[in-house]
Structure formats: C-alpha cells, structure tokens
Amino acid sequence: MSLFRRRREKEKSPPNPLEDIPIGSMVDLADTTTFALSEAVSRTFQVKAMRKYESRGFLRWLYLLENDEEVILGVEKVDEEDYNLARFVLDSEEEFTEPLPSRIRMNFEEPETGETEEVEYERRGVIEAHMTYLDPEVREEYDVEIHDYMAEDGTILMVEISGDWVTYFLGEPISINDVTVYPKGRGEEP
C-alpha cells in the first residue's frame, strides 16, 4: 500500500521552475559572463517572451530576459531531473537561401584590441521541432528546424530555420546553480 502513496506523492510534485516560466517572472543570473559584463555578482531580468521547442524526446525553451539589456536563457530538458542551461544572445536573423554547412566559421572582434578572432563551430545535431512563441500580446506556432553547433572552447551556436528565415543564437553553457527563478503568479498581469 505504501507504494501507491509514494506514487501519488510523486505525481503531486510541483513542476521544475525552469519549465514554462510565466511571462513577467523574474530571473536572477549569477554566471561568470554576468559578472564579467556588469561586475555584479548577479543581475535580475524580467521574462518578456518565450520560445518553446517540442519534438519526440526533445524539449527546449528560450526565454527572452530584459533589464537594461537583453539576454536569452536556454533550458533543455535532458531527463526528468536533469537540464542543460545556456546563456545566449541573438546574433542575427536573415533570409534562408542555402543549406547550412556542417561547419560554420564566425569572426569576432576583440573590443579592447580591435583584433579579430575566428571561431569554428561544428554541427552536433539537427532536430525538427514544433515551436510555440509567446509574449504578452502574441501566441504563434511554427514548424522549425534546429541546428546545434559547438566550438572547441565549448561555446554554442544554435541556428533556427523557420520557413524562409534563419536565426543565429550565440551562447555558452551555464550551471543550474547560476539561475534563480521567481515565478509570476498565474493570475497576475504581465
């Protein structure tokens, strides 16, 4: 009989706060990039929009976070208890004209020295997914193709293809310990 009670308790456990964070919630980031950019131990952002990607065995969220700057928090559910997190910035959006290569080279200028560094990203996977976009005024759904790339230094390039458009997100992994979510109540206004 105790087996059934444990199962009931497991079913009642609250969802992970990283999943489906409501628009208007606050998210505190305490990763090394936050410290390097702001010289603050942590910064608090408000969730302004969300992209949710779903496919069989695949679940990922991109949360647009704002205060005086924009940051994107990426959350991928690996299994019931495990998540991969990344801090992204939107690099660019452009018309999709030709297939993506297995390797993408990008040049980055060092602001202090003016020197250019080339980084090569290697494709690690392609996922066809259904994407739901939410912000306070809009709910839109699309079928998309996600190409995940990684560089030798561990930085990430996520490429989203939707119809005739391709969007590039640049990021780096962060720890689950670097993120604190303060969810907005379900009945509150955004």
N, C-alpha and C. Protein backbone atom coordinates (compact mmCIF):
# COMPACT_ATOMS: atom_id res chain seq x y z
N MET A 1 0.82 -1.19 0.00
CA MET A 1 0.00 0.00 0.00
C MET A 1 0.87 1.26 0.00
N SER A 2 2.02 1.23 0.64
CA SER A 2 2.88 2.41 0.65
C SER A 2 3.39 2.75 -0.75
N LEU A 3 3.48 1.76 -1.62
CA LEU A 3 3.89 2.03 -3.00
C LEU A 3 2.94 3.01 -3.66
N PHE A 4 1.66 2.83 -3.46
CA PHE A 4 0.67 3.71 -4.08
C PHE A 4 0.76 5.12 -3.52
N ARG A 5 1.01 5.23 -2.24
CA ARG A 5 1.15 6.55 -1.63
C ARG A 5 2.36 7.29 -2.20
N ARG A 6 3.47 6.60 -2.36
CA ARG A 6 4.66 7.23 -2.93
C ARG A 6 4.40 7.68 -4.36
N ARG A 7 3.68 6.86 -5.09
CA ARG A 7 3.38 7.23 -6.47
C ARG A 7 2.51 8.48 -6.50
N ARG A 8 1.51 8.55 -5.63
CA ARG A 8 0.64 9.72 -5.56
C ARG A 8 1.45 10.96 -5.20
N GLU A 9 2.37 10.82 -4.23
CA GLU A 9 3.21 11.95 -3.83
C GLU A 9 4.08 12.41 -4.99
N LYS A 10 4.60 11.46 -5.77
CA LYS A 10 5.44 11.80 -6.91
C LYS A 10 4.63 12.56 -7.96
N GLU A 11 3.39 12.13 -8.20
CA GLU A 11 2.55 12.80 -9.18
C GLU A 11 2.22 14.22 -8.76
N LYS A 12 2.15 14.50 -7.46
CA LYS A 12 1.79 15.82 -6.96
C LYS A 12 2.99 16.76 -6.88
N SER A 13 4.20 16.27 -7.13
CA SER A 13 5.36 17.15 -7.00
C SER A 13 5.25 18.30 -8.00
N PRO A 14 5.64 19.50 -7.56
CA PRO A 14 5.49 20.67 -8.42
C PRO A 14 6.43 20.59 -9.62
N PRO A 15 6.06 21.24 -10.73
CA PRO A 15 6.94 21.23 -11.90
C PRO A 15 8.22 22.00 -11.60
N ASN A 16 9.27 21.68 -12.33
CA ASN A 16 10.53 22.38 -12.16
C ASN A 16 10.34 23.85 -12.55
N PRO A 17 10.85 24.80 -11.76
CA PRO A 17 10.64 26.22 -12.07
C PRO A 17 11.28 26.66 -13.38
N LEU A 18 12.17 25.86 -13.96
CA LEU A 18 12.78 26.21 -15.24
C LEU A 18 11.85 25.93 -16.42
N GLU A 19 10.80 25.14 -16.19
CA GLU A 19 9.88 24.78 -17.27
C GLU A 19 8.73 25.78 -17.34
N ASP A 20 8.45 26.26 -18.55
CA ASP A 20 7.32 27.16 -18.80
C ASP A 20 7.28 28.33 -17.82
N ILE A 21 8.38 29.04 -17.68
CA ILE A 21 8.43 30.21 -16.80
C ILE A 21 7.43 31.24 -17.32
N PRO A 22 6.48 31.69 -16.50
CA PRO A 22 5.48 32.65 -16.98
C PRO A 22 6.09 33.99 -17.40
N ILE A 23 5.52 34.59 -18.45
CA ILE A 23 5.92 35.92 -18.88
C ILE A 23 5.72 36.88 -17.70
N GLY A 24 6.67 37.76 -17.48
CA GLY A 24 6.60 38.70 -16.36
C GLY A 24 7.32 38.21 -15.12
N SER A 25 7.75 36.94 -15.10
CA SER A 25 8.52 36.42 -13.97
C SER A 25 9.89 37.08 -13.94
N MET A 26 10.56 36.96 -12.81
CA MET A 26 11.91 37.50 -12.66
C MET A 26 12.90 36.33 -12.61
N VAL A 27 14.05 36.51 -13.27
CA VAL A 27 15.10 35.50 -13.30
C VAL A 27 16.41 36.17 -12.90
N ASP A 28 17.08 35.59 -11.94
CA ASP A 28 18.36 36.10 -11.46
C ASP A 28 19.47 35.25 -12.06
N LEU A 29 20.42 35.88 -12.76
CA LEU A 29 21.57 35.17 -13.33
C LEU A 29 22.82 35.53 -12.55
N ALA A 30 23.59 34.51 -12.17
CA ALA A 30 24.82 34.72 -11.40
C ALA A 30 25.99 33.99 -12.05
N ASP A 31 26.01 33.94 -13.39
CA ASP A 31 27.07 33.24 -14.12
C ASP A 31 28.28 34.14 -14.32
N THR A 32 29.37 33.57 -14.81
CA THR A 32 30.62 34.33 -14.96
C THR A 32 30.49 35.43 -16.01
N THR A 33 29.69 35.23 -17.05
CA THR A 33 29.50 36.27 -18.07
C THR A 33 28.79 37.47 -17.47
N THR A 34 27.78 37.22 -16.64
CA THR A 34 27.09 38.33 -15.96
C THR A 34 28.09 39.14 -15.15
N PHE A 35 28.96 38.45 -14.43
CA PHE A 35 29.97 39.14 -13.62
C PHE A 35 30.95 39.91 -14.51
N ALA A 36 31.40 39.28 -15.60
CA ALA A 36 32.37 39.93 -16.49
C ALA A 36 31.78 41.17 -17.17
N LEU A 37 30.51 41.12 -17.55
CA LEU A 37 29.89 42.24 -18.25
C LEU A 37 29.45 43.37 -17.32
N SER A 38 29.01 43.02 -16.12
CA SER A 38 28.43 44.05 -15.25
C SER A 38 29.21 44.30 -13.97
N GLU A 39 30.19 43.45 -13.70
CA GLU A 39 30.95 43.50 -12.45
C GLU A 39 30.05 43.36 -11.23
N ALA A 40 28.88 42.79 -11.43
CA ALA A 40 27.96 42.48 -10.33
C ALA A 40 27.93 40.97 -10.16
N VAL A 41 27.74 40.51 -8.95
CA VAL A 41 27.70 39.08 -8.69
C VAL A 41 26.51 38.44 -9.40
N SER A 42 25.39 39.17 -9.47
CA SER A 42 24.22 38.67 -10.17
C SER A 42 23.41 39.84 -10.71
N ARG A 43 22.54 39.53 -11.67
CA ARG A 43 21.62 40.54 -12.21
C ARG A 43 20.26 39.91 -12.36
N THR A 44 19.24 40.72 -12.14
CA THR A 44 17.87 40.24 -12.25
C THR A 44 17.24 40.77 -13.53
N PHE A 45 16.58 39.85 -14.24
CA PHE A 45 15.94 40.17 -15.52
C PHE A 45 14.47 39.79 -15.44
N GLN A 46 13.66 40.41 -16.31
CA GLN A 46 12.25 40.05 -16.41
C GLN A 46 12.05 39.23 -17.69
N VAL A 47 11.23 38.17 -17.60
CA VAL A 47 10.91 37.35 -18.77
C VAL A 47 9.92 38.12 -19.64
N LYS A 48 10.33 38.42 -20.88
CA LYS A 48 9.50 39.20 -21.81
C LYS A 48 8.84 38.33 -22.87
N ALA A 49 9.48 37.21 -23.23
CA ALA A 49 8.94 36.32 -24.27
C ALA A 49 9.55 34.94 -24.09
N MET A 50 8.92 33.95 -24.73
CA MET A 50 9.40 32.57 -24.62
C MET A 50 9.21 31.85 -25.95
N ARG A 51 10.18 31.05 -26.31
CA ARG A 51 10.07 30.11 -27.42
C ARG A 51 10.16 28.72 -26.80
N LYS A 52 9.19 27.88 -27.10
CA LYS A 52 9.19 26.51 -26.59
C LYS A 52 9.26 25.56 -27.78
N TYR A 53 10.28 24.71 -27.79
CA TYR A 53 10.50 23.76 -28.87
C TYR A 53 10.16 22.36 -28.38
N GLU A 54 9.33 21.65 -29.14
CA GLU A 54 8.93 20.31 -28.75
C GLU A 54 9.04 19.36 -29.93
N SER A 55 9.56 18.18 -29.65
CA SER A 55 9.61 17.09 -30.61
C SER A 55 9.63 15.81 -29.79
N ARG A 56 9.52 14.70 -30.43
CA ARG A 56 9.53 13.45 -29.68
C ARG A 56 10.86 13.28 -28.96
N GLY A 57 10.81 13.23 -27.62
CA GLY A 57 12.02 13.07 -26.82
C GLY A 57 12.86 14.34 -26.71
N PHE A 58 12.31 15.48 -27.09
CA PHE A 58 13.07 16.74 -27.09
C PHE A 58 12.20 17.87 -26.57
N LEU A 59 12.74 18.64 -25.61
CA LEU A 59 12.01 19.78 -25.05
C LEU A 59 13.04 20.86 -24.70
N ARG A 60 12.86 22.05 -25.29
CA ARG A 60 13.79 23.16 -25.06
C ARG A 60 13.00 24.46 -24.99
N TRP A 61 13.46 25.36 -24.12
CA TRP A 61 12.88 26.70 -24.00
C TRP A 61 13.97 27.73 -24.22
N LEU A 62 13.62 28.84 -24.88
CA LEU A 62 14.46 30.03 -24.92
C LEU A 62 13.63 31.15 -24.33
N TYR A 63 14.12 31.74 -23.25
CA TYR A 63 13.42 32.83 -22.57
C TYR A 63 14.14 34.14 -22.87
N LEU A 64 13.42 35.13 -23.43
CA LEU A 64 13.98 36.45 -23.64
C LEU A 64 13.90 37.20 -22.32
N LEU A 65 15.06 37.57 -21.78
CA LEU A 65 15.15 38.26 -20.50
C LEU A 65 15.61 39.70 -20.75
N GLU A 66 14.99 40.66 -20.04
CA GLU A 66 15.36 42.07 -20.20
C GLU A 66 15.50 42.76 -18.86
N ASN A 67 16.47 43.64 -18.76
CA ASN A 67 16.50 44.73 -17.79
C ASN A 67 16.98 45.91 -18.62
N ASP A 68 18.20 46.38 -18.50
CA ASP A 68 18.68 47.40 -19.42
C ASP A 68 19.38 46.78 -20.63
N GLU A 69 19.42 45.48 -20.70
CA GLU A 69 19.96 44.74 -21.84
C GLU A 69 19.13 43.49 -22.06
N GLU A 70 19.33 42.82 -23.21
CA GLU A 70 18.60 41.58 -23.50
C GLU A 70 19.55 40.40 -23.43
N VAL A 71 19.08 39.34 -22.80
CA VAL A 71 19.80 38.08 -22.69
C VAL A 71 18.78 36.99 -22.94
N ILE A 72 19.24 35.86 -23.47
CA ILE A 72 18.34 34.74 -23.70
C ILE A 72 18.83 33.57 -22.85
N LEU A 73 17.93 33.04 -22.02
CA LEU A 73 18.23 31.86 -21.21
C LEU A 73 17.70 30.64 -21.94
N GLY A 74 18.60 29.71 -22.26
CA GLY A 74 18.21 28.46 -22.90
C GLY A 74 18.15 27.35 -21.88
N VAL A 75 17.05 26.58 -21.91
CA VAL A 75 16.87 25.46 -20.99
C VAL A 75 16.46 24.26 -21.82
N GLU A 76 17.23 23.18 -21.73
CA GLU A 76 16.87 21.94 -22.43
C GLU A 76 16.69 20.84 -21.40
N LYS A 77 15.54 20.18 -21.47
CA LYS A 77 15.26 19.08 -20.54
C LYS A 77 15.93 17.82 -21.08
N VAL A 78 16.86 17.29 -20.29
CA VAL A 78 17.60 16.09 -20.70
C VAL A 78 16.85 14.84 -20.25
N ASP A 79 16.37 14.84 -19.00
CA ASP A 79 15.51 13.77 -18.49
C ASP A 79 14.67 14.37 -17.36
N GLU A 80 14.00 13.53 -16.59
CA GLU A 80 13.07 14.03 -15.56
C GLU A 80 13.69 15.02 -14.58
N GLU A 81 14.94 14.82 -14.23
CA GLU A 81 15.58 15.65 -13.20
C GLU A 81 16.74 16.49 -13.73
N ASP A 82 17.13 16.32 -14.99
CA ASP A 82 18.36 16.93 -15.49
C ASP A 82 18.08 17.93 -16.61
N TYR A 83 18.76 19.08 -16.54
CA TYR A 83 18.59 20.14 -17.53
C TYR A 83 19.95 20.67 -17.96
N ASN A 84 20.07 21.02 -19.24
CA ASN A 84 21.23 21.75 -19.73
C ASN A 84 20.81 23.21 -19.89
N LEU A 85 21.63 24.13 -19.40
CA LEU A 85 21.32 25.55 -19.48
C LEU A 85 22.41 26.27 -20.25
N ALA A 86 22.00 27.35 -20.94
CA ALA A 86 22.95 28.18 -21.67
C ALA A 86 22.47 29.62 -21.65
N ARG A 87 23.42 30.51 -21.71
CA ARG A 87 23.13 31.95 -21.81
C ARG A 87 23.42 32.33 -23.26
N PHE A 88 22.41 32.86 -23.97
CA PHE A 88 22.53 33.20 -25.38
C PHE A 88 22.35 34.69 -25.61
N VAL A 89 22.83 35.15 -26.76
CA VAL A 89 22.46 36.44 -27.33
C VAL A 89 22.00 36.17 -28.76
N LEU A 90 21.09 36.99 -29.24
CA LEU A 90 20.63 36.88 -30.62
C LEU A 90 21.71 37.50 -31.49
N ASP A 91 22.34 36.69 -32.35
CA ASP A 91 23.42 37.19 -33.19
C ASP A 91 22.86 37.87 -34.43
N SER A 92 21.97 37.17 -35.16
CA SER A 92 21.41 37.77 -36.37
C SER A 92 20.22 36.96 -36.87
N GLU A 93 19.44 37.62 -37.72
CA GLU A 93 18.35 36.98 -38.45
C GLU A 93 18.52 37.37 -39.91
N GLU A 94 18.30 36.42 -40.79
CA GLU A 94 18.43 36.73 -42.21
C GLU A 94 17.59 35.76 -43.03
N GLU A 95 17.47 36.08 -44.31
CA GLU A 95 16.71 35.21 -45.20
C GLU A 95 17.50 33.92 -45.40
N PHE A 96 16.78 32.81 -45.43
CA PHE A 96 17.41 31.50 -45.60
C PHE A 96 17.50 31.22 -47.09
N THR A 97 18.74 31.13 -47.61
CA THR A 97 18.92 30.97 -49.06
C THR A 97 19.58 29.66 -49.46
N GLU A 98 20.43 29.10 -48.61
CA GLU A 98 21.10 27.85 -48.97
C GLU A 98 21.28 26.97 -47.73
N PRO A 99 21.42 25.65 -47.93
CA PRO A 99 21.55 24.74 -46.79
C PRO A 99 22.74 25.10 -45.90
N LEU A 100 22.58 24.81 -44.62
CA LEU A 100 23.65 25.10 -43.66
C LEU A 100 24.76 24.06 -43.78
N PRO A 101 26.02 24.50 -43.70
CA PRO A 101 27.14 23.55 -43.76
C PRO A 101 27.31 22.83 -42.43
N SER A 102 28.14 21.79 -42.44
CA SER A 102 28.41 21.05 -41.20
C SER A 102 29.34 21.83 -40.27
N ARG A 103 30.06 22.80 -40.82
CA ARG A 103 30.93 23.69 -40.03
C ARG A 103 30.65 25.14 -40.42
N ILE A 104 30.57 25.99 -39.41
CA ILE A 104 30.36 27.42 -39.64
C ILE A 104 31.49 28.18 -38.97
N ARG A 105 32.11 29.08 -39.72
CA ARG A 105 33.17 29.94 -39.17
C ARG A 105 32.60 31.34 -38.96
N MET A 106 32.88 31.90 -37.79
CA MET A 106 32.44 33.26 -37.48
C MET A 106 33.63 34.05 -36.96
N ASN A 107 33.66 35.33 -37.29
CA ASN A 107 34.73 36.21 -36.83
C ASN A 107 34.19 37.14 -35.76
N PHE A 108 34.96 37.28 -34.69
CA PHE A 108 34.60 38.14 -33.57
C PHE A 108 35.73 39.13 -33.32
N GLU A 109 35.35 40.40 -33.17
CA GLU A 109 36.36 41.42 -32.91
C GLU A 109 36.49 41.65 -31.42
N GLU A 110 37.72 41.65 -30.94
CA GLU A 110 38.01 41.95 -29.54
C GLU A 110 37.88 43.46 -29.36
N PRO A 111 36.90 43.93 -28.56
CA PRO A 111 36.66 45.37 -28.45
C PRO A 111 37.85 46.18 -27.94
N GLU A 112 38.63 45.60 -27.05
CA GLU A 112 39.75 46.34 -26.45
C GLU A 112 40.94 46.47 -27.40
N THR A 113 41.22 45.42 -28.18
CA THR A 113 42.40 45.44 -29.04
C THR A 113 42.07 45.67 -30.51
N GLY A 114 40.84 45.40 -30.91
CA GLY A 114 40.46 45.53 -32.31
C GLY A 114 40.86 44.33 -33.15
N GLU A 115 41.51 43.35 -32.53
CA GLU A 115 41.91 42.14 -33.25
C GLU A 115 40.71 41.25 -33.51
N THR A 116 40.76 40.51 -34.61
CA THR A 116 39.67 39.61 -34.99
C THR A 116 40.07 38.18 -34.71
N GLU A 117 39.15 37.44 -34.10
CA GLU A 117 39.37 36.02 -33.81
C GLU A 117 38.35 35.20 -34.58
N GLU A 118 38.81 34.15 -35.25
CA GLU A 118 37.91 33.26 -35.98
C GLU A 118 37.57 32.06 -35.10
N VAL A 119 36.29 31.75 -35.01
CA VAL A 119 35.83 30.59 -34.24
C VAL A 119 35.08 29.67 -35.18
N GLU A 120 35.41 28.38 -35.12
CA GLU A 120 34.74 27.40 -35.97
C GLU A 120 33.79 26.57 -35.12
N TYR A 121 32.55 26.49 -35.57
CA TYR A 121 31.52 25.71 -34.90
C TYR A 121 31.23 24.47 -35.74
N GLU A 122 31.15 23.31 -35.08
CA GLU A 122 30.86 22.06 -35.76
C GLU A 122 29.45 21.60 -35.39
N ARG A 123 28.68 21.20 -36.41
CA ARG A 123 27.30 20.78 -36.15
C ARG A 123 27.30 19.49 -35.34
N ARG A 124 26.47 19.49 -34.28
CA ARG A 124 26.32 18.33 -33.40
C ARG A 124 24.99 17.63 -33.57
N GLY A 125 24.03 18.30 -34.20
CA GLY A 125 22.73 17.66 -34.38
C GLY A 125 21.74 18.57 -35.08
N VAL A 126 20.72 17.92 -35.67
CA VAL A 126 19.62 18.63 -36.33
C VAL A 126 18.33 18.05 -35.78
N ILE A 127 17.42 18.93 -35.37
CA ILE A 127 16.15 18.49 -34.78
C ILE A 127 15.01 19.22 -35.47
N GLU A 128 14.03 18.47 -35.93
CA GLU A 128 12.80 19.08 -36.43
C GLU A 128 11.86 19.17 -35.25
N ALA A 129 11.32 20.37 -35.01
CA ALA A 129 10.51 20.58 -33.80
C ALA A 129 9.34 21.50 -34.10
N HIS A 130 8.38 21.47 -33.20
CA HIS A 130 7.26 22.41 -33.22
C HIS A 130 7.59 23.51 -32.22
N MET A 131 7.56 24.77 -32.68
CA MET A 131 7.92 25.89 -31.81
C MET A 131 6.69 26.74 -31.52
N THR A 132 6.50 27.04 -30.23
CA THR A 132 5.45 27.97 -29.80
C THR A 132 6.13 29.21 -29.28
N TYR A 133 5.75 30.37 -29.85
CA TYR A 133 6.29 31.66 -29.41
C TYR A 133 5.23 32.37 -28.60
N LEU A 134 5.61 32.85 -27.41
CA LEU A 134 4.68 33.58 -26.53
C LEU A 134 5.29 34.89 -26.07
N ASP A 135 4.51 35.96 -26.15
CA ASP A 135 4.82 37.21 -25.45
C ASP A 135 3.48 37.74 -24.94
N PRO A 136 3.44 38.88 -24.25
CA PRO A 136 2.16 39.31 -23.66
C PRO A 136 1.02 39.50 -24.67
N GLU A 137 1.32 39.82 -25.93
CA GLU A 137 0.27 40.06 -26.92
C GLU A 137 0.08 38.94 -27.93
N VAL A 138 1.04 38.04 -28.07
CA VAL A 138 1.05 37.12 -29.21
C VAL A 138 1.29 35.68 -28.76
N ARG A 139 0.62 34.78 -29.46
CA ARG A 139 0.94 33.35 -29.38
C ARG A 139 0.98 32.86 -30.82
N GLU A 140 2.15 32.38 -31.26
CA GLU A 140 2.32 31.90 -32.63
C GLU A 140 2.97 30.53 -32.59
N GLU A 141 2.64 29.70 -33.58
CA GLU A 141 3.21 28.36 -33.65
C GLU A 141 3.81 28.13 -35.03
N TYR A 142 4.97 27.46 -35.05
CA TYR A 142 5.70 27.22 -36.29
C TYR A 142 6.33 25.83 -36.23
N ASP A 143 6.57 25.26 -37.40
CA ASP A 143 7.43 24.09 -37.50
C ASP A 143 8.81 24.61 -37.86
N VAL A 144 9.82 24.20 -37.11
CA VAL A 144 11.17 24.72 -37.29
C VAL A 144 12.17 23.58 -37.36
N GLU A 145 13.36 23.93 -37.80
CA GLU A 145 14.49 23.00 -37.80
C GLU A 145 15.59 23.66 -36.98
N ILE A 146 16.11 22.95 -36.00
CA ILE A 146 17.16 23.48 -35.13
C ILE A 146 18.47 22.76 -35.45
N HIS A 147 19.51 23.54 -35.69
CA HIS A 147 20.85 23.00 -35.91
C HIS A 147 21.70 23.44 -34.72
N ASP A 148 22.23 22.48 -33.98
CA ASP A 148 23.09 22.77 -32.83
C ASP A 148 24.55 22.60 -33.23
N TYR A 149 25.34 23.64 -33.00
CA TYR A 149 26.77 23.64 -33.30
C TYR A 149 27.54 23.91 -32.00
N MET A 150 28.79 23.42 -31.96
CA MET A 150 29.63 23.69 -30.80
C MET A 150 31.06 23.94 -31.27
N ALA A 151 31.74 24.87 -30.60
CA ALA A 151 33.15 25.16 -30.88
C ALA A 151 34.02 24.38 -29.91
N GLU A 152 35.31 24.32 -30.21
CA GLU A 152 36.25 23.60 -29.34
C GLU A 152 36.28 24.16 -27.92
N ASP A 153 36.04 25.48 -27.78
CA ASP A 153 36.08 26.09 -26.45
C ASP A 153 34.77 25.92 -25.68
N GLY A 154 33.81 25.17 -26.24
CA GLY A 154 32.56 24.89 -25.54
C GLY A 154 31.45 25.88 -25.82
N THR A 155 31.73 26.95 -26.59
CA THR A 155 30.67 27.89 -26.93
C THR A 155 29.70 27.25 -27.91
N ILE A 156 28.48 27.77 -27.92
CA ILE A 156 27.37 27.15 -28.65
C ILE A 156 26.86 28.10 -29.71
N LEU A 157 26.50 27.54 -30.86
CA LEU A 157 25.78 28.26 -31.89
C LEU A 157 24.51 27.46 -32.16
N MET A 158 23.36 28.05 -31.86
CA MET A 158 22.08 27.41 -32.15
C MET A 158 21.48 28.15 -33.33
N VAL A 159 21.10 27.41 -34.37
CA VAL A 159 20.53 28.00 -35.57
C VAL A 159 19.11 27.48 -35.72
N GLU A 160 18.15 28.41 -35.84
CA GLU A 160 16.74 28.06 -36.01
C GLU A 160 16.32 28.44 -37.43
N ILE A 161 15.79 27.46 -38.17
CA ILE A 161 15.25 27.73 -39.51
C ILE A 161 13.75 27.62 -39.43
N SER A 162 13.07 28.70 -39.83
CA SER A 162 11.61 28.74 -39.82
C SER A 162 11.16 29.34 -41.14
N GLY A 163 10.62 28.50 -42.02
CA GLY A 163 10.20 28.99 -43.33
C GLY A 163 11.39 29.52 -44.10
N ASP A 164 11.32 30.79 -44.50
CA ASP A 164 12.39 31.43 -45.28
C ASP A 164 13.38 32.20 -44.41
N TRP A 165 13.32 32.02 -43.09
CA TRP A 165 14.18 32.79 -42.20
C TRP A 165 15.07 31.89 -41.36
N VAL A 166 16.28 32.38 -41.11
CA VAL A 166 17.23 31.67 -40.25
C VAL A 166 17.68 32.64 -39.16
N THR A 167 17.70 32.14 -37.92
CA THR A 167 18.09 32.95 -36.76
C THR A 167 19.27 32.28 -36.08
N TYR A 168 20.29 33.08 -35.75
CA TYR A 168 21.50 32.59 -35.11
C TYR A 168 21.55 33.07 -33.66
N PHE A 169 21.71 32.12 -32.74
CA PHE A 169 21.86 32.42 -31.32
C PHE A 169 23.25 31.95 -30.88
N LEU A 170 24.04 32.85 -30.29
CA LEU A 170 25.36 32.50 -29.77
C LEU A 170 25.30 32.39 -28.26
N GLY A 171 25.95 31.36 -27.71
CA GLY A 171 25.86 31.20 -26.27
C GLY A 171 26.98 30.39 -25.67
N GLU A 172 26.85 30.22 -24.36
CA GLU A 172 27.79 29.39 -23.62
C GLU A 172 27.03 28.69 -22.50
N PRO A 173 27.46 27.48 -22.16
CA PRO A 173 26.78 26.75 -21.08
C PRO A 173 26.92 27.48 -19.75
N ILE A 174 25.87 27.38 -18.93
CA ILE A 174 25.93 27.89 -17.56
C ILE A 174 25.38 26.80 -16.64
N SER A 175 25.66 26.94 -15.36
CA SER A 175 25.23 25.95 -14.37
C SER A 175 23.81 26.24 -13.90
N ILE A 176 23.11 25.20 -13.54
CA ILE A 176 21.77 25.36 -12.97
C ILE A 176 21.84 26.18 -11.68
N ASN A 177 22.99 26.15 -11.00
CA ASN A 177 23.17 26.92 -9.77
C ASN A 177 23.30 28.42 -10.03
N ASP A 178 23.51 28.80 -11.30
CA ASP A 178 23.65 30.22 -11.67
C ASP A 178 22.31 30.89 -11.94
N VAL A 179 21.21 30.13 -11.85
CA VAL A 179 19.89 30.64 -12.23
C VAL A 179 18.91 30.48 -11.07
N THR A 180 18.23 31.56 -10.72
CA THR A 180 17.15 31.53 -9.74
C THR A 180 15.92 32.13 -10.39
N VAL A 181 14.80 31.40 -10.33
CA VAL A 181 13.56 31.86 -10.96
C VAL A 181 12.58 32.28 -9.87
N TYR A 182 12.00 33.46 -10.06
CA TYR A 182 10.94 33.96 -9.19
C TYR A 182 9.67 34.03 -10.04
N PRO A 183 8.90 32.92 -10.07
CA PRO A 183 7.76 32.86 -11.00
C PRO A 183 6.66 33.85 -10.65
N LYS A 184 6.11 34.41 -11.68
CA LYS A 184 4.96 35.31 -11.52
C LYS A 184 3.74 34.44 -11.25
N GLY A 185 2.88 34.88 -10.36
CA GLY A 185 1.65 34.13 -10.08
C GLY A 185 0.79 34.01 -11.32
N ARG A 186 0.09 32.91 -11.45
CA ARG A 186 -0.71 32.64 -12.65
C ARG A 186 -1.80 33.68 -12.89
N GLY A 187 -2.32 34.33 -11.84
CA GLY A 187 -3.40 35.29 -12.03
C GLY A 187 -2.94 36.73 -12.18
N GLU A 188 -1.63 36.98 -12.06
CA GLU A 188 -1.12 38.35 -12.10
C GLU A 188 -1.01 38.85 -13.53
N GLU A 189 -1.12 40.17 -13.70
CA GLU A 189 -0.94 40.80 -15.01
C GLU A 189 0.54 40.85 -15.34
N PRO A 190 0.91 40.72 -16.66
CA PRO A 190 2.32 40.81 -17.03
C PRO A 190 2.89 42.20 -16.86
